[in-house]
Amino acid sequence: MGKPAVVHVEYCEILQRVSDATVTGKVGRRSSFEVTLNNKVIFSKLDTGKFPAFDKVAEEVDNAAQGRDVQTVTETDKGSSCTIL
């Protein structure tokens, strides 16, 4: 057997905007990139076929941290600097 793969996920903007947010990840379904915030799915790549606009995800995390209503993110990525390595 070879070495186990090491995956690093870089979260742009979320922790910059809400430094005390807890950001976690897990292995998902093929082609998935699902964002759940306080038990509410706010974005699904399985539904859109694209990645979310990461600034909009960060905005919703900030809304949750401020006690405001959280909305579903409908905007998709248009060339963000966020990457999955």
Protein backbone atom coordinates (compact mmCIF):
# COMPACT_ATOMS: atom_id res chain seq x y z
CA MET A 1 0.00 0.00 0.00
CA GLY A 2 1.09 3.54 -0.71
CA LYS A 3 1.08 6.50 1.61
CA PRO A 4 -2.30 7.87 2.66
CA ALA A 5 -3.37 10.94 0.73
CA VAL A 6 -3.30 14.22 2.59
CA VAL A 7 -5.94 16.76 1.59
CA HIS A 8 -5.83 20.40 2.60
CA VAL A 9 -8.92 22.55 2.18
CA GLU A 10 -8.40 26.30 2.25
CA TYR A 11 -11.39 28.32 3.37
CA CYS A 12 -11.26 31.80 1.92
CA GLU A 13 -12.96 34.64 3.73
CA ILE A 14 -15.00 32.64 6.25
CA LEU A 15 -12.49 32.77 9.08
CA GLN A 16 -11.37 36.24 8.04
CA ARG A 17 -14.93 37.52 8.51
CA VAL A 18 -15.95 35.37 11.48
CA SER A 19 -12.78 34.34 13.28
CA ASP A 20 -14.56 32.21 15.88
CA ALA A 21 -16.53 30.15 13.32
CA THR A 22 -15.98 26.41 13.40
CA VAL A 23 -15.25 25.13 9.91
CA THR A 24 -15.18 21.37 9.35
CA GLY A 25 -15.07 19.06 6.37
CA LYS A 26 -15.77 15.47 5.49
CA VAL A 27 -15.55 13.14 2.54
CA GLY A 28 -18.71 13.50 0.50
CA ARG A 29 -20.41 12.04 -2.49
CA ARG A 30 -18.76 12.17 -5.91
CA SER A 31 -18.77 15.74 -7.32
CA SER A 32 -20.28 17.12 -4.12
CA PHE A 33 -19.53 20.41 -2.42
CA GLU A 34 -22.29 20.97 0.08
CA VAL A 35 -22.28 23.86 2.55
CA THR A 36 -24.32 23.44 5.72
CA LEU A 37 -24.61 26.26 8.23
CA ASN A 38 -26.23 25.57 11.60
CA ASN A 39 -27.89 22.42 10.20
CA LYS A 40 -29.27 24.24 7.12
CA VAL A 41 -27.92 23.43 3.65
CA ILE A 42 -27.14 26.84 2.18
CA PHE A 43 -25.44 25.63 -1.01
CA SER A 44 -25.35 22.39 -3.00
CA LYS A 45 -22.97 21.79 -5.91
CA LEU A 46 -24.99 18.65 -6.59
CA ASP A 47 -27.94 20.94 -7.40
CA THR A 48 -26.07 23.67 -9.29
CA GLY A 49 -23.14 21.83 -10.87
CA LYS A 50 -20.89 24.69 -9.77
CA PHE A 51 -19.04 25.94 -6.71
CA PRO A 52 -20.62 28.69 -4.60
CA ALA A 53 -19.63 32.34 -4.63
CA PHE A 54 -17.38 32.02 -1.59
CA ASP A 55 -17.90 35.64 -0.51
CA LYS A 56 -21.64 34.93 -0.31
CA VAL A 57 -21.01 31.86 1.85
CA ALA A 58 -18.85 34.00 4.15
CA GLU A 59 -21.62 36.62 4.26
CA GLU A 60 -24.13 34.01 5.43
CA VAL A 61 -21.70 32.75 8.09
CA ASP A 62 -21.43 36.34 9.30
CA ASN A 63 -25.23 36.65 9.30
CA ALA A 64 -25.50 33.52 11.45
CA ALA A 65 -22.84 34.80 13.85
CA GLN A 66 -24.78 38.06 14.22
CA GLY A 67 -28.05 36.22 14.92
CA ARG A 68 -29.59 37.23 11.59
CA ASP A 69 -31.56 34.94 9.30
CA VAL A 70 -29.46 32.75 7.03
CA GLN A 71 -30.34 32.58 3.34
CA THR A 72 -29.56 29.98 0.69
CA VAL A 73 -26.60 30.99 -1.49
CA THR A 74 -27.67 31.01 -5.14
CA GLU A 75 -24.68 32.78 -6.69
CA THR A 76 -21.92 30.59 -8.09
CA ASP A 77 -18.17 31.10 -8.32
CA LYS A 78 -16.92 33.34 -11.08
CA GLY A 79 -13.20 32.75 -10.62
CA SER A 80 -12.60 33.13 -6.89
CA SER A 81 -9.10 32.79 -5.49
CA CYS A 82 -10.31 29.95 -3.23
CA THR A 83 -8.84 26.58 -4.07
CA ILE A 84 -9.00 22.99 -2.96
CA LEU A 85 -5.50 21.54 -2.94
